[in-house]
Amino acid sequence: QHGVNIMAFVKEYNERTSSQVGTIIPVQITVFEDRSFTYVTKTPPASELLRKSLGIEKGGASAGRATVGSIKRTALREIPETKMKDLNASSVDKAIKIIEGTARSMGINIVED
C-alpha cells in the first residue's frame, strides 16, 4: 500500500475506465515520497482481447491439443493495432507474431480468410 490513499486511486481509476466496464485494464502506478501518486492505464491483455473477439470464457487448458475456437487472420490483425503502444515490438508484423503466439497458447486456431 505504501501509504497511498487507495480510495482516491480507485475513484480516479473507475472514472477513467468507466467506458470499459467488465474489461481487464492493467495500470502502472508511480508512488512518490509525499504519498502522492500518478498512474498510467494500459491496453487490455492480448488474451482478454482474443477472448472477447471470440466470445469465449477462457482459453484452452492444454495448448496445442485442445482448441477452443478459431480466429480469422484479418480479425487477429486488429488486436496488435490496438495493443501496439504497449507491445515490445518494432513493427506491426512483429506484433502480429506476438499475438499469434498468445492465440496458439490459448488453444485458438488461426485460419486464413
PDB file of N, CA and C in Angstrom:
ATOM      1  N   GLN A   1       0.827  -1.182   0.000  1.00  0.00           N
ATOM      2  CA  GLN A   1       0.000   0.000   0.000  1.00  0.00           C
ATOM      3  C   GLN A   1       0.876   1.251   0.000  1.00  0.00           C
ATOM      4  N   HIS A   2       1.964   1.271   0.698  1.00  0.00           N
ATOM      5  CA  HIS A   2       2.925   2.373   0.686  1.00  0.00           C
ATOM      6  C   HIS A   2       2.310   3.719   1.055  1.00  0.00           C
ATOM      7  N   GLY A   3       1.279   3.721   1.870  1.00  0.00           N
ATOM      8  CA  GLY A   3       0.679   4.960   2.333  1.00  0.00           C
ATOM      9  C   GLY A   3      -0.173   5.685   1.314  1.00  0.00           C
ATOM     10  N   VAL A   4      -0.518   5.021   0.233  1.00  0.00           N
ATOM     11  CA  VAL A   4      -1.335   5.647  -0.811  1.00  0.00           C
ATOM     12  C   VAL A   4      -2.797   5.616  -0.389  1.00  0.00           C
ATOM     13  N   ASN A   5      -3.507   6.680  -0.668  1.00  0.00           N
ATOM     14  CA  ASN A   5      -4.936   6.725  -0.402  1.00  0.00           C
ATOM     15  C   ASN A   5      -5.633   5.857  -1.457  1.00  0.00           C
ATOM     16  N   ILE A   6      -5.922   4.623  -1.095  1.00  0.00           N
ATOM     17  CA  ILE A   6      -6.481   3.649  -2.037  1.00  0.00           C
ATOM     18  C   ILE A   6      -7.835   4.113  -2.568  1.00  0.00           C
ATOM     19  N   MET A   7      -8.653   4.685  -1.721  1.00  0.00           N
ATOM     20  CA  MET A   7      -9.976   5.131  -2.166  1.00  0.00           C
ATOM     21  C   MET A   7      -9.864   6.210  -3.250  1.00  0.00           C
ATOM     22  N   ALA A   8      -8.901   7.110  -3.107  1.00  0.00           N
ATOM     23  CA  ALA A   8      -8.709   8.153  -4.124  1.00  0.00           C
ATOM     24  C   ALA A   8      -8.281   7.524  -5.445  1.00  0.00           C
ATOM     25  N   PHE A   9      -7.367   6.538  -5.370  1.00  0.00           N
ATOM     26  CA  PHE A   9      -6.927   5.863  -6.593  1.00  0.00           C
ATOM     27  C   PHE A   9      -8.088   5.132  -7.257  1.00  0.00           C
ATOM     28  N   VAL A  10      -8.843   4.362  -6.469  1.00  0.00           N
ATOM     29  CA  VAL A  10      -9.949   3.575  -7.025  1.00  0.00           C
ATOM     30  C   VAL A  10     -10.983   4.491  -7.676  1.00  0.00           C
ATOM     31  N   LYS A  11     -11.275   5.609  -7.043  1.00  0.00           N
ATOM     32  CA  LYS A  11     -12.257   6.547  -7.600  1.00  0.00           C
ATOM     33  C   LYS A  11     -11.775   7.104  -8.946  1.00  0.00           C
ATOM     34  N   GLU A  12     -10.520   7.545  -9.006  1.00  0.00           N
ATOM     35  CA  GLU A  12      -9.963   8.069 -10.261  1.00  0.00           C
ATOM     36  C   GLU A  12      -9.912   6.990 -11.339  1.00  0.00           C
ATOM     37  N   TYR A  13      -9.457   5.795 -10.950  1.00  0.00           N
ATOM     38  CA  TYR A  13      -9.343   4.680 -11.897  1.00  0.00           C
ATOM     39  C   TYR A  13     -10.715   4.319 -12.463  1.00  0.00           C
ATOM     40  N   ASN A  14     -11.714   4.233 -11.605  1.00  0.00           N
ATOM     41  CA  ASN A  14     -13.067   3.899 -12.062  1.00  0.00           C
ATOM     42  C   ASN A  14     -13.629   4.966 -12.995  1.00  0.00           C
ATOM     43  N   GLU A  15     -13.344   6.233 -12.710  1.00  0.00           N
ATOM     44  CA  GLU A  15     -13.803   7.307 -13.595  1.00  0.00           C
ATOM     45  C   GLU A  15     -13.138   7.211 -14.964  1.00  0.00           C
ATOM     46  N   ARG A  16     -11.835   6.947 -14.960  1.00  0.00           N
ATOM     47  CA  ARG A  16     -11.089   6.892 -16.217  1.00  0.00           C
ATOM     48  C   ARG A  16     -11.469   5.678 -17.067  1.00  0.00           C
ATOM     49  N   THR A  17     -11.834   4.582 -16.428  1.00  0.00           N
ATOM     50  CA  THR A  17     -12.131   3.345 -17.160  1.00  0.00           C
ATOM     51  C   THR A  17     -13.623   3.036 -17.200  1.00  0.00           C
ATOM     52  N   SER A  18     -14.469   4.011 -16.919  1.00  0.00           N
ATOM     53  CA  SER A  18     -15.912   3.755 -16.859  1.00  0.00           C
ATOM     54  C   SER A  18     -16.488   3.293 -18.195  1.00  0.00           C
ATOM     55  N   SER A  19     -15.864   3.648 -19.296  1.00  0.00           N
ATOM     56  CA  SER A  19     -16.369   3.219 -20.607  1.00  0.00           C
ATOM     57  C   SER A  19     -15.992   1.780 -20.933  1.00  0.00           C
ATOM     58  N   GLN A  20     -15.131   1.168 -20.127  1.00  0.00           N
ATOM     59  CA  GLN A  20     -14.662  -0.188 -20.395  1.00  0.00           C
ATOM     60  C   GLN A  20     -15.018  -1.140 -19.254  1.00  0.00           C
ATOM     61  N   VAL A  21     -16.196  -1.015 -18.722  1.00  0.00           N
ATOM     62  CA  VAL A  21     -16.629  -1.853 -17.607  1.00  0.00           C
ATOM     63  C   VAL A  21     -16.618  -3.318 -18.039  1.00  0.00           C
ATOM     64  N   GLY A  22     -16.077  -4.179 -17.196  1.00  0.00           N
ATOM     65  CA  GLY A  22     -16.026  -5.605 -17.486  1.00  0.00           C
ATOM     66  C   GLY A  22     -14.766  -6.039 -18.214  1.00  0.00           C
ATOM     67  N   THR A  23     -13.916  -5.100 -18.573  1.00  0.00           N
ATOM     68  CA  THR A  23     -12.664  -5.403 -19.263  1.00  0.00           C
ATOM     69  C   THR A  23     -11.512  -5.230 -18.289  1.00  0.00           C
ATOM     70  N   ILE A  24     -10.540  -6.126 -18.363  1.00  0.00           N
ATOM     71  CA  ILE A  24      -9.351  -6.014 -17.526  1.00  0.00           C
ATOM     72  C   ILE A  24      -8.489  -4.886 -18.086  1.00  0.00           C
ATOM     73  N   ILE A  25      -8.196  -3.899 -17.251  1.00  0.00           N
ATOM     74  CA  ILE A  25      -7.376  -2.764 -17.658  1.00  0.00           C
ATOM     75  C   ILE A  25      -6.164  -2.701 -16.725  1.00  0.00           C
ATOM     76  N   PRO A  26      -4.979  -3.104 -17.209  1.00  0.00           N
ATOM     77  CA  PRO A  26      -3.783  -3.003 -16.365  1.00  0.00           C
ATOM     78  C   PRO A  26      -3.431  -1.543 -16.095  1.00  0.00           C
ATOM     79  N   VAL A  27      -2.760  -1.320 -14.987  1.00  0.00           N
ATOM     80  CA  VAL A  27      -2.375   0.041 -14.620  1.00  0.00           C
ATOM     81  C   VAL A  27      -0.970   0.010 -14.029  1.00  0.00           C
ATOM     82  N   GLN A  28      -0.201   1.051 -14.307  1.00  0.00           N
ATOM     83  CA  GLN A  28       1.135   1.196 -13.731  1.00  0.00           C
ATOM     84  C   GLN A  28       1.100   2.420 -12.825  1.00  0.00           C
ATOM     85  N   ILE A  29       1.331   2.183 -11.522  1.00  0.00           N
ATOM     86  CA  ILE A  29       1.235   3.254 -10.530  1.00  0.00           C
ATOM     87  C   ILE A  29       2.635   3.691 -10.113  1.00  0.00           C
ATOM     88  N   THR A  30       2.850   4.992 -10.035  1.00  0.00           N
ATOM     89  CA  THR A  30       4.094   5.551  -9.511  1.00  0.00           C
ATOM     90  C   THR A  30       3.743   6.296  -8.234  1.00  0.00           C
ATOM     91  N   VAL A  31       4.369   5.880  -7.120  1.00  0.00           N
ATOM     92  CA  VAL A  31       4.110   6.497  -5.817  1.00  0.00           C
ATOM     93  C   VAL A  31       5.324   7.345  -5.444  1.00  0.00           C
ATOM     94  N   PHE A  32       5.070   8.571  -5.036  1.00  0.00           N
ATOM     95  CA  PHE A  32       6.138   9.489  -4.665  1.00  0.00           C
ATOM     96  C   PHE A  32       6.317   9.503  -3.149  1.00  0.00           C
ATOM     97  N   GLU A  33       7.427  10.090  -2.690  1.00  0.00           N
ATOM     98  CA  GLU A  33       7.740  10.100  -1.262  1.00  0.00           C
ATOM     99  C   GLU A  33       6.681  10.808  -0.432  1.00  0.00           C
ATOM    100  N   ASP A  34       6.020  11.797  -0.992  1.00  0.00           N
ATOM    101  CA  ASP A  34       4.981  12.507  -0.243  1.00  0.00           C
ATOM    102  C   ASP A  34       3.635  11.775  -0.294  1.00  0.00           C
ATOM    103  N   ARG A  35       3.653  10.538  -0.744  1.00  0.00           N
ATOM    104  CA  ARG A  35       2.492   9.634  -0.830  1.00  0.00           C
ATOM    105  C   ARG A  35       1.496  10.033  -1.915  1.00  0.00           C
ATOM    106  N   SER A  36       1.860  10.965  -2.746  1.00  0.00           N
ATOM    107  CA  SER A  36       1.024  11.251  -3.911  1.00  0.00           C
ATOM    108  C   SER A  36       1.356  10.206  -4.973  1.00  0.00           C
ATOM    109  N   PHE A  37       0.539  10.122  -5.984  1.00  0.00           N
ATOM    110  CA  PHE A  37       0.756   9.095  -6.998  1.00  0.00           C
ATOM    111  C   PHE A  37       0.279   9.565  -8.359  1.00  0.00           C
ATOM    112  N   THR A  38       0.819   8.925  -9.365  1.00  0.00           N
ATOM    113  CA  THR A  38       0.325   9.071 -10.729  1.00  0.00           C
ATOM    114  C   THR A  38       0.160   7.662 -11.265  1.00  0.00           C
ATOM    115  N   TYR A  39      -0.654   7.523 -12.276  1.00  0.00           N
ATOM    116  CA  TYR A  39      -0.803   6.200 -12.868  1.00  0.00           C
ATOM    117  C   TYR A  39      -1.099   6.310 -14.350  1.00  0.00           C
ATOM    118  N   VAL A  40      -0.760   5.246 -15.048  1.00  0.00           N
ATOM    119  CA  VAL A  40      -0.972   5.159 -16.485  1.00  0.00           C
ATOM    120  C   VAL A  40      -1.752   3.883 -16.746  1.00  0.00           C
ATOM    121  N   THR A  41      -2.876   4.000 -17.439  1.00  0.00           N
ATOM    122  CA  THR A  41      -3.627   2.798 -17.805  1.00  0.00           C
ATOM    123  C   THR A  41      -3.060   2.252 -19.102  1.00  0.00           C
ATOM    124  N   LYS A  42      -3.034   0.940 -19.197  1.00  0.00           N
ATOM    125  CA  LYS A  42      -2.515   0.245 -20.369  1.00  0.00           C
ATOM    126  C   LYS A  42      -3.680  -0.334 -21.158  1.00  0.00           C
ATOM    127  N   THR A  43      -3.369  -0.924 -22.300  1.00  0.00           N
ATOM    128  CA  THR A  43      -4.406  -1.600 -23.076  1.00  0.00           C
ATOM    129  C   THR A  43      -4.669  -2.962 -22.452  1.00  0.00           C
ATOM    130  N   PRO A  44      -5.855  -3.522 -22.657  1.00  0.00           N
ATOM    131  CA  PRO A  44      -6.157  -4.835 -22.093  1.00  0.00           C
ATOM    132  C   PRO A  44      -5.167  -5.888 -22.585  1.00  0.00           C
ATOM    133  N   PRO A  45      -4.942  -6.951 -21.811  1.00  0.00           N
ATOM    134  CA  PRO A  45      -4.043  -8.018 -22.247  1.00  0.00           C
ATOM    135  C   PRO A  45      -4.525  -8.638 -23.558  1.00  0.00           C
ATOM    136  N   ALA A  46      -3.583  -9.159 -24.331  1.00  0.00           N
ATOM    137  CA  ALA A  46      -3.922  -9.780 -25.618  1.00  0.00           C
ATOM    138  C   ALA A  46      -4.904 -10.926 -25.420  1.00  0.00           C
ATOM    139  N   SER A  47      -4.723 -11.694 -24.359  1.00  0.00           N
ATOM    140  CA  SER A  47      -5.629 -12.821 -24.111  1.00  0.00           C
ATOM    141  C   SER A  47      -7.057 -12.333 -23.890  1.00  0.00           C
ATOM    142  N   GLU A  48      -7.207 -11.213 -23.213  1.00  0.00           N
ATOM    143  CA  GLU A  48      -8.537 -10.630 -22.980  1.00  0.00           C
ATOM    144  C   GLU A  48      -9.171 -10.200 -24.305  1.00  0.00           C
ATOM    145  N   LEU A  49      -8.390  -9.555 -25.159  1.00  0.00           N
ATOM    146  CA  LEU A  49      -8.905  -9.112 -26.459  1.00  0.00           C
ATOM    147  C   LEU A  49      -9.265 -10.303 -27.347  1.00  0.00           C
ATOM    148  N   LEU A  50      -8.454 -11.358 -27.296  1.00  0.00           N
ATOM    149  CA  LEU A  50      -8.753 -12.566 -28.071  1.00  0.00           C
ATOM    150  C   LEU A  50     -10.033 -13.226 -27.564  1.00  0.00           C
ATOM    151  N   ARG A  51     -10.169 -13.340 -26.247  1.00  0.00           N
ATOM    152  CA  ARG A  51     -11.374 -13.958 -25.678  1.00  0.00           C
ATOM    153  C   ARG A  51     -12.621 -13.167 -26.064  1.00  0.00           C
ATOM    154  N   LYS A  52     -12.540 -11.838 -25.991  1.00  0.00           N
ATOM    155  CA  LYS A  52     -13.707 -11.020 -26.344  1.00  0.00           C
ATOM    156  C   LYS A  52     -14.049 -11.132 -27.823  1.00  0.00           C
ATOM    157  N   SER A  53     -13.041 -11.179 -28.690  1.00  0.00           N
ATOM    158  CA  SER A  53     -13.327 -11.259 -30.124  1.00  0.00           C
ATOM    159  C   SER A  53     -13.940 -12.603 -30.493  1.00  0.00           C
ATOM    160  N   LEU A  54     -13.607 -13.655 -29.729  1.00  0.00           N
ATOM    161  CA  LEU A  54     -14.183 -14.976 -29.987  1.00  0.00           C
ATOM    162  C   LEU A  54     -15.436 -15.242 -29.163  1.00  0.00           C
ATOM    163  N   GLY A  55     -15.656 -14.452 -28.127  1.00  0.00           N
ATOM    164  CA  GLY A  55     -16.816 -14.662 -27.268  1.00  0.00           C
ATOM    165  C   GLY A  55     -16.704 -15.906 -26.409  1.00  0.00           C
ATOM    166  N   ILE A  56     -15.486 -16.195 -25.923  1.00  0.00           N
ATOM    167  CA  ILE A  56     -15.280 -17.379 -25.081  1.00  0.00           C
ATOM    168  C   ILE A  56     -14.947 -16.936 -23.659  1.00  0.00           C
ATOM    169  N   GLU A  57     -15.190 -17.840 -22.708  1.00  0.00           N
ATOM    170  CA  GLU A  57     -14.929 -17.549 -21.298  1.00  0.00           C
ATOM    171  C   GLU A  57     -13.446 -17.582 -20.967  1.00  0.00           C
ATOM    172  N   LYS A  58     -12.749 -18.625 -21.460  1.00  0.00           N
ATOM    173  CA  LYS A  58     -11.325 -18.770 -21.162  1.00  0.00           C
ATOM    174  C   LYS A  58     -10.656 -19.569 -22.263  1.00  0.00           C
ATOM    175  N   GLY A  59      -9.337 -19.540 -22.264  1.00  0.00           N
ATOM    176  CA  GLY A  59      -8.566 -20.279 -23.254  1.00  0.00           C
ATOM    177  C   GLY A  59      -8.546 -21.762 -22.937  1.00  0.00           C
ATOM    178  N   GLY A  60      -7.933 -22.534 -23.815  1.00  0.00           N
ATOM    179  CA  GLY A  60      -7.854 -23.978 -23.630  1.00  0.00           C
ATOM    180  C   GLY A  60      -6.917 -24.355 -22.499  1.00  0.00           C
ATOM    181  N   ALA A  61      -7.210 -25.479 -21.859  1.00  0.00           N
ATOM    182  CA  ALA A  61      -6.395 -25.943 -20.742  1.00  0.00           C
ATOM    183  C   ALA A  61      -5.083 -26.551 -21.219  1.00  0.00           C
ATOM    184  N   SER A  62      -5.098 -27.188 -22.379  1.00  0.00           N
ATOM    185  CA  SER A  62      -3.880 -27.811 -22.899  1.00  0.00           C
ATOM    186  C   SER A  62      -3.619 -27.279 -24.306  1.00  0.00           C
ATOM    187  N   ALA A  63      -2.770 -26.289 -24.380  1.00  0.00           N
ATOM    188  CA  ALA A  63      -2.471 -25.647 -25.666  1.00  0.00           C
ATOM    189  C   ALA A  63      -1.827 -26.643 -26.619  1.00  0.00           C
ATOM    190  N   GLY A  64      -2.226 -26.577 -27.866  1.00  0.00           N
ATOM    191  CA  GLY A  64      -1.674 -27.476 -28.867  1.00  0.00           C
ATOM    192  C   GLY A  64      -2.468 -28.748 -29.028  1.00  0.00           C
ATOM    193  N   ARG A  65      -3.241 -29.128 -28.031  1.00  0.00           N
ATOM    194  CA  ARG A  65      -4.036 -30.360 -28.099  1.00  0.00           C
ATOM    195  C   ARG A  65      -5.521 -30.060 -28.231  1.00  0.00           C
ATOM    196  N   ALA A  66      -6.019 -29.227 -27.357  1.00  0.00           N
ATOM    197  CA  ALA A  66      -7.448 -28.895 -27.378  1.00  0.00           C
ATOM    198  C   ALA A  66      -7.620 -27.478 -27.909  1.00  0.00           C
ATOM    199  N   THR A  67      -8.556 -27.308 -28.830  1.00  0.00           N
ATOM    200  CA  THR A  67      -8.818 -25.973 -29.354  1.00  0.00           C
ATOM    201  C   THR A  67     -10.142 -25.455 -28.797  1.00  0.00           C
ATOM    202  N   VAL A  68     -10.181 -24.162 -28.571  1.00  0.00           N
ATOM    203  CA  VAL A  68     -11.403 -23.549 -28.046  1.00  0.00           C
ATOM    204  C   VAL A  68     -12.113 -22.718 -29.100  1.00  0.00           C
ATOM    205  N   GLY A  69     -11.460 -22.508 -30.236  1.00  0.00           N
ATOM    206  CA  GLY A  69     -12.080 -21.732 -31.301  1.00  0.00           C
ATOM    207  C   GLY A  69     -11.085 -21.388 -32.385  1.00  0.00           C
ATOM    208  N   SER A  70     -11.567 -20.676 -33.375  1.00  0.00           N
ATOM    209  CA  SER A  70     -10.726 -20.238 -34.488  1.00  0.00           C
ATOM    210  C   SER A  70     -10.952 -18.754 -34.726  1.00  0.00           C
ATOM    211  N   ILE A  71      -9.907 -18.097 -35.179  1.00  0.00           N
ATOM    212  CA  ILE A  71      -9.999 -16.673 -35.489  1.00  0.00           C
ATOM    213  C   ILE A  71      -9.396 -16.449 -36.868  1.00  0.00           C
ATOM    214  N   LYS A  72     -10.043 -15.608 -37.651  1.00  0.00           N
ATOM    215  CA  LYS A  72      -9.522 -15.285 -38.979  1.00  0.00           C
ATOM    216  C   LYS A  72      -8.343 -14.332 -38.837  1.00  0.00           C
ATOM    217  N   ARG A  73      -7.425 -14.440 -39.768  1.00  0.00           N
ATOM    218  CA  ARG A  73      -6.218 -13.620 -39.720  1.00  0.00           C
ATOM    219  C   ARG A  73      -6.545 -12.115 -39.761  1.00  0.00           C
ATOM    220  N   THR A  74      -7.587 -11.722 -40.503  1.00  0.00           N
ATOM    221  CA  THR A  74      -7.941 -10.295 -40.550  1.00  0.00           C
ATOM    222  C   THR A  74      -8.460  -9.806 -39.196  1.00  0.00           C
ATOM    223  N   ALA A  75      -9.216 -10.649 -38.499  1.00  0.00           N
ATOM    224  CA  ALA A  75      -9.703 -10.280 -37.165  1.00  0.00           C
ATOM    225  C   ALA A  75      -8.538 -10.224 -36.180  1.00  0.00           C
ATOM    226  N   LEU A  76      -7.589 -11.138 -36.345  1.00  0.00           N
ATOM    227  CA  LEU A  76      -6.417 -11.169 -35.471  1.00  0.00           C
ATOM    228  C   LEU A  76      -5.567  -9.916 -35.681  1.00  0.00           C
ATOM    229  N   ARG A  77      -5.525  -9.406 -36.892  1.00  0.00           N
ATOM    230  CA  ARG A  77      -4.698  -8.247 -37.239  1.00  0.00           C
ATOM    231  C   ARG A  77      -5.153  -6.979 -36.500  1.00  0.00           C
ATOM    232  N   GLU A  78      -6.419  -6.909 -36.098  1.00  0.00           N
ATOM    233  CA  GLU A  78      -6.926  -5.729 -35.391  1.00  0.00           C
ATOM    234  C   GLU A  78      -6.357  -5.621 -33.976  1.00  0.00           C
ATOM    235  N   ILE A  79      -6.056  -6.750 -33.353  1.00  0.00           N
ATOM    236  CA  ILE A  79      -5.595  -6.754 -31.960  1.00  0.00           C
ATOM    237  C   ILE A  79      -4.227  -6.092 -31.808  1.00  0.00           C
ATOM    238  N   PRO A  80      -3.211  -6.453 -32.615  1.00  0.00           N
ATOM    239  CA  PRO A  80      -1.924  -5.766 -32.446  1.00  0.00           C
ATOM    240  C   PRO A  80      -1.991  -4.269 -32.756  1.00  0.00           C
ATOM    241  N   GLU A  81      -2.900  -3.870 -33.632  1.00  0.00           N
ATOM    242  CA  GLU A  81      -3.047  -2.441 -33.908  1.00  0.00           C
ATOM    243  C   GLU A  81      -3.551  -1.711 -32.663  1.00  0.00           C
ATOM    244  N   THR A  82      -4.399  -2.385 -31.875  1.00  0.00           N
ATOM    245  CA  THR A  82      -4.895  -1.816 -30.623  1.00  0.00           C
ATOM    246  C   THR A  82      -3.796  -1.778 -29.570  1.00  0.00           C
ATOM    247  N   LYS A  83      -3.004  -2.853 -29.493  1.00  0.00           N
ATOM    248  CA  LYS A  83      -2.018  -3.011 -28.434  1.00  0.00           C
ATOM    249  C   LYS A  83      -0.633  -2.478 -28.772  1.00  0.00           C
ATOM    250  N   MET A  84      -0.431  -1.950 -29.951  1.00  0.00           N
ATOM    251  CA  MET A  84       0.912  -1.606 -30.424  1.00  0.00           C
ATOM    252  C   MET A  84       1.700  -0.733 -29.452  1.00  0.00           C
ATOM    253  N   LYS A  85       1.053   0.223 -28.797  1.00  0.00           N
ATOM    254  CA  LYS A  85       1.801   1.114 -27.897  1.00  0.00           C
ATOM    255  C   LYS A  85       2.306   0.397 -26.650  1.00  0.00           C
ATOM    256  N   ASP A  86       1.692  -0.729 -26.269  1.00  0.00           N
ATOM    257  CA  ASP A  86       2.123  -1.458 -25.077  1.00  0.00           C
ATOM    258  C   ASP A  86       2.975  -2.683 -25.393  1.00  0.00           C
ATOM    259  N   LEU A  87       3.055  -3.064 -26.656  1.00  0.00           N
ATOM    260  CA  LEU A  87       3.843  -4.241 -27.023  1.00  0.00           C
ATOM    261  C   LEU A  87       5.305  -3.862 -27.229  1.00  0.00           C
ATOM    262  N   ASN A  88       6.165  -4.828 -26.984  1.00  0.00           N
ATOM    263  CA  ASN A  88       7.590  -4.636 -27.191  1.00  0.00           C
ATOM    264  C   ASN A  88       7.940  -5.102 -28.603  1.00  0.00           C
ATOM    265  N   ALA A  89       7.390  -4.428 -29.597  1.00  0.00           N
ATOM    266  CA  ALA A  89       7.612  -4.803 -30.989  1.00  0.00           C
ATOM    267  C   ALA A  89       7.896  -3.546 -31.800  1.00  0.00           C
ATOM    268  N   SER A  90       8.776  -3.694 -32.783  1.00  0.00           N
ATOM    269  CA  SER A  90       9.168  -2.536 -33.584  1.00  0.00           C
ATOM    270  C   SER A  90       8.283  -2.323 -34.802  1.00  0.00           C
ATOM    271  N   SER A  91       7.496  -3.331 -35.162  1.00  0.00           N
ATOM    272  CA  SER A  91       6.614  -3.187 -36.322  1.00  0.00           C
ATOM    273  C   SER A  91       5.313  -3.939 -36.071  1.00  0.00           C
ATOM    274  N   VAL A  92       4.316  -3.645 -36.883  1.00  0.00           N
ATOM    275  CA  VAL A  92       3.024  -4.312 -36.748  1.00  0.00           C
ATOM    276  C   VAL A  92       3.164  -5.798 -37.068  1.00  0.00           C
ATOM    277  N   ASP A  93       4.013  -6.148 -38.047  1.00  0.00           N
ATOM    278  CA  ASP A  93       4.201  -7.561 -38.393  1.00  0.00           C
ATOM    279  C   ASP A  93       4.758  -8.354 -37.212  1.00  0.00           C
ATOM    280  N   LYS A  94       5.708  -7.769 -36.491  1.00  0.00           N
ATOM    281  CA  LYS A  94       6.261  -8.448 -35.313  1.00  0.00           C
ATOM    282  C   LYS A  94       5.218  -8.528 -34.200  1.00  0.00           C
ATOM    283  N   ALA A  95       4.406  -7.503 -34.072  1.00  0.00           N
ATOM    284  CA  ALA A  95       3.336  -7.516 -33.071  1.00  0.00           C
ATOM    285  C   ALA A  95       2.317  -8.605 -33.395  1.00  0.00           C
ATOM    286  N   ILE A  96       2.032  -8.804 -34.678  1.00  0.00           N
ATOM    287  CA  ILE A  96       1.101  -9.864 -35.088  1.00  0.00           C
ATOM    288  C   ILE A  96       1.647 -11.220 -34.674  1.00  0.00           C
ATOM    289  N   LYS A  97       2.948 -11.428 -34.824  1.00  0.00           N
ATOM    290  CA  LYS A  97       3.574 -12.698 -34.417  1.00  0.00           C
ATOM    291  C   LYS A  97       3.395 -12.924 -32.914  1.00  0.00           C
ATOM    292  N   ILE A  98       3.533 -11.868 -32.132  1.00  0.00           N
ATOM    293  CA  ILE A  98       3.354 -11.980 -30.679  1.00  0.00           C
ATOM    294  C   ILE A  98       1.922 -12.401 -30.358  1.00  0.00           C
ATOM    295  N   ILE A  99       0.944 -11.760 -30.996  1.00  0.00           N
ATOM    296  CA  ILE A  99      -0.465 -12.070 -30.748  1.00  0.00           C
ATOM    297  C   ILE A  99      -0.798 -13.472 -31.245  1.00  0.00           C
ATOM    298  N   GLU A 100      -0.212 -13.888 -32.371  1.00  0.00           N
ATOM    299  CA  GLU A 100      -0.424 -15.253 -32.866  1.00  0.00           C
ATOM    300  C   GLU A 100       0.073 -16.270 -31.843  1.00  0.00           C
ATOM    301  N   GLY A 101       1.221 -16.002 -31.228  1.00  0.00           N
ATOM    302  CA  GLY A 101       1.747 -16.894 -30.199  1.00  0.00           C
ATOM    303  C   GLY A 101       0.823 -16.970 -28.997  1.00  0.00           C
ATOM    304  N   THR A 102       0.267 -15.850 -28.600  1.00  0.00           N
ATOM    305  CA  THR A 102      -0.689 -15.837 -27.494  1.00  0.00           C
ATOM    306  C   THR A 102      -1.920 -16.653 -27.853  1.00  0.00           C
ATOM    307  N   ALA A 103      -2.410 -16.484 -29.080  1.00  0.00           N
ATOM    308  CA  ALA A 103      -3.593 -17.234 -29.526  1.00  0.00           C
ATOM    309  C   ALA A 103      -3.313 -18.732 -29.512  1.00  0.00           C
ATOM    310  N   ARG A 104      -2.157 -19.134 -30.023  1.00  0.00           N
ATOM    311  CA  ARG A 104      -1.816 -20.570 -30.036  1.00  0.00           C
ATOM    312  C   ARG A 104      -1.725 -21.125 -28.622  1.00  0.00           C
ATOM    313  N   SER A 105      -1.137 -20.351 -27.704  1.00  0.00           N
ATOM    314  CA  SER A 105      -1.003 -20.839 -26.331  1.00  0.00           C
ATOM    315  C   SER A 105      -2.346 -20.930 -25.620  1.00  0.00           C
ATOM    316  N   MET A 106      -3.349 -20.221 -26.137  1.00  0.00           N
ATOM    317  CA  MET A 106      -4.696 -20.293 -25.566  1.00  0.00           C
ATOM    318  C   MET A 106      -5.540 -21.382 -26.217  1.00  0.00           C
ATOM    319  N   GLY A 107      -4.996 -22.057 -27.231  1.00  0.00           N
ATOM    320  CA  GLY A 107      -5.759 -23.094 -27.921  1.00  0.00           C
ATOM    321  C   GLY A 107      -6.663 -22.533 -29.004  1.00  0.00           C
ATOM    322  N   ILE A 108      -6.282 -21.411 -29.584  1.00  0.00           N
ATOM    323  CA  ILE A 108      -7.068 -20.782 -30.650  1.00  0.00           C
ATOM    324  C   ILE A 108      -6.358 -21.013 -31.977  1.00  0.00           C
ATOM    325  N   ASN A 109      -7.081 -21.569 -32.938  1.00  0.00           N
ATOM    326  CA  ASN A 109      -6.535 -21.775 -34.277  1.00  0.00           C
ATOM    327  C   ASN A 109      -6.636 -20.486 -35.073  1.00  0.00           C
ATOM    328  N   ILE A 110      -5.635 -20.234 -35.898  1.00  0.00           N
ATOM    329  CA  ILE A 110      -5.643 -19.070 -36.778  1.00  0.00           C
ATOM    330  C   ILE A 110      -5.898 -19.582 -38.186  1.00  0.00           C
ATOM    331  N   VAL A 111      -6.983 -19.104 -38.799  1.00  0.00           N
ATOM    332  CA  VAL A 111      -7.349 -19.569 -40.138  1.00  0.00           C
ATOM    333  C   VAL A 111      -7.193 -18.425 -41.131  1.00  0.00           C
ATOM    334  N   GLU A 112      -6.843 -18.787 -42.351  1.00  0.00           N
ATOM    335  CA  GLU A 112      -6.722 -17.797 -43.422  1.00  0.00           C
ATOM    336  C   GLU A 112      -8.118 -17.367 -43.852  1.00  0.00           C
ATOM    337  N   ASP A 113      -8.223 -16.181 -44.419  1.00  0.00           N
ATOM    338  CA  ASP A 113      -9.523 -15.661 -44.860  1.00  0.00           C
ATOM    339  C   ASP A 113      -9.971 -16.323 -46.133  1.00  0.00           C
TER     340      ASP A 113
END
